[in-house]
Protein backbone atom coordinates (compact mmCIF):
# COMPACT_ATOMS: atom_id res chain seq x y z
CA UNK A 1 19.39 19.47 5.89
CA UNK A 2 21.70 21.29 3.48
CA UNK A 3 23.18 18.02 2.18
CA UNK A 4 19.72 16.80 1.25
CA UNK A 5 18.98 19.96 -0.69
CA UNK A 6 22.32 19.86 -2.52
CA UNK A 7 21.72 16.33 -3.80
CA UNK A 8 18.25 17.04 -5.23
CA UNK A 9 17.64 18.03 -8.82
CA UNK A 10 15.23 20.92 -8.52
CA UNK A 11 14.06 20.79 -12.12
CA UNK A 12 12.62 17.30 -11.57
CA UNK A 13 10.86 18.44 -8.40
CA UNK A 14 9.54 21.58 -10.09
CA UNK A 15 8.17 19.69 -13.10
CA UNK A 16 6.59 17.04 -10.87
CA UNK A 17 4.95 19.73 -8.73
CA UNK A 18 3.65 21.56 -11.81
CA UNK A 19 2.10 18.38 -13.15
CA UNK A 20 0.47 17.68 -9.80
CA UNK A 21 -1.07 21.16 -9.79
CA UNK A 22 -2.43 20.70 -13.33
CA UNK A 23 -3.96 17.34 -12.41
CA UNK A 24 -5.48 18.80 -9.23
CA UNK A 25 -7.05 21.62 -11.25
CA UNK A 26 -8.48 19.09 -13.67
CA UNK A 27 -10.00 17.04 -10.86
CA UNK A 28 -11.47 20.14 -9.23
CA UNK A 29 -12.91 21.26 -12.57
CA UNK A 30 -14.41 17.83 -13.05
CA UNK A 31 -16.38 18.03 -9.79
CA UNK A 32 -17.19 21.74 -9.56
CA UNK A 33 -18.08 22.64 -13.15
CA UNK A 34 -21.69 21.69 -13.83
CA UNK A 35 -21.17 21.25 -17.57
CA UNK A 36 -18.78 18.36 -17.03
CA UNK A 37 -21.71 16.14 -16.09
CA UNK A 38 -23.51 16.82 -19.37
CA UNK A 39 -20.83 16.82 -22.07
CA UNK A 40 -17.21 15.98 -22.72
CA UNK A 41 -14.79 18.93 -22.38
CA UNK A 42 -13.01 17.68 -25.51
CA UNK A 43 -16.17 18.08 -27.62
CA UNK A 44 -15.31 21.14 -29.70
CA UNK A 45 -18.94 21.93 -30.50
CA UNK A 46 -19.90 22.47 -26.83
CA UNK A 47 -16.76 23.59 -24.99
CA UNK A 48 -14.73 26.77 -24.61
CA UNK A 49 -11.07 27.13 -25.52
CA UNK A 50 -9.74 27.23 -21.96
CA UNK A 51 -11.86 24.26 -20.90
CA UNK A 52 -10.64 22.25 -23.88
CA UNK A 53 -7.02 23.17 -23.19
CA UNK A 54 -7.13 22.29 -19.49
CA UNK A 55 -8.59 18.87 -20.29
CA UNK A 56 -6.30 18.24 -23.25
CA UNK A 57 -3.09 19.10 -21.39
CA UNK A 58 -3.86 16.58 -18.64
CA UNK A 59 -3.38 13.73 -21.12
CA UNK A 60 0.35 14.42 -20.92
CA UNK A 61 0.51 14.60 -17.14
CA UNK A 62 0.37 10.92 -16.22
CA UNK A 63 3.10 9.76 -18.66
CA UNK A 64 5.40 12.62 -17.64
CA UNK A 65 4.76 11.95 -13.96
CA UNK A 66 5.63 8.26 -14.41
CA UNK A 67 8.73 9.15 -16.42
CA UNK A 68 9.90 11.43 -13.62
CA UNK A 69 9.19 8.76 -11.00
CA UNK A 70 11.30 6.29 -12.98
CA UNK A 71 14.06 8.85 -13.44
CA UNK A 72 14.10 9.57 -9.72
CA UNK A 73 14.23 5.85 -8.89
CA UNK A 74 17.11 5.37 -11.33
CA UNK A 75 19.06 8.27 -9.87
CA UNK A 76 18.55 6.99 -6.32
CA UNK A 77 19.65 3.52 -7.43
CA UNK A 78 22.86 4.93 -8.88
CA UNK A 79 23.84 6.46 -5.54
CA UNK A 80 23.32 3.34 -3.42
CA UNK A 81 25.58 0.35 -3.09
CA UNK A 82 24.43 -3.23 -2.85
CA UNK A 83 25.08 -3.32 0.92
CA UNK A 84 22.84 -0.30 1.55
CA UNK A 85 19.71 -2.16 0.43
CA UNK A 86 17.77 -3.81 3.27
CA UNK A 87 17.35 -7.11 1.38
CA UNK A 88 20.10 -8.83 -0.52
CA UNK A 89 18.94 -10.98 -3.39
């Protein structure tokens, strides 16, 4: 177990987890806040500052999450040899 933890980059895991929490909060807000059915949270004439910010910040979550997924896949690919893959092309 300790070898697995030594080979992980904790900053990638921490950022990915933070983004997942922000997206989960946005989804919960979308279903539990009654005003979300009547107006857009990005409409500055009808929204509050915190509501606007929580919706605005989620626009960055998906691209960052995909960037981290690609970074993780690249780092895993650098550690493996061609013989360690189950299929040889």
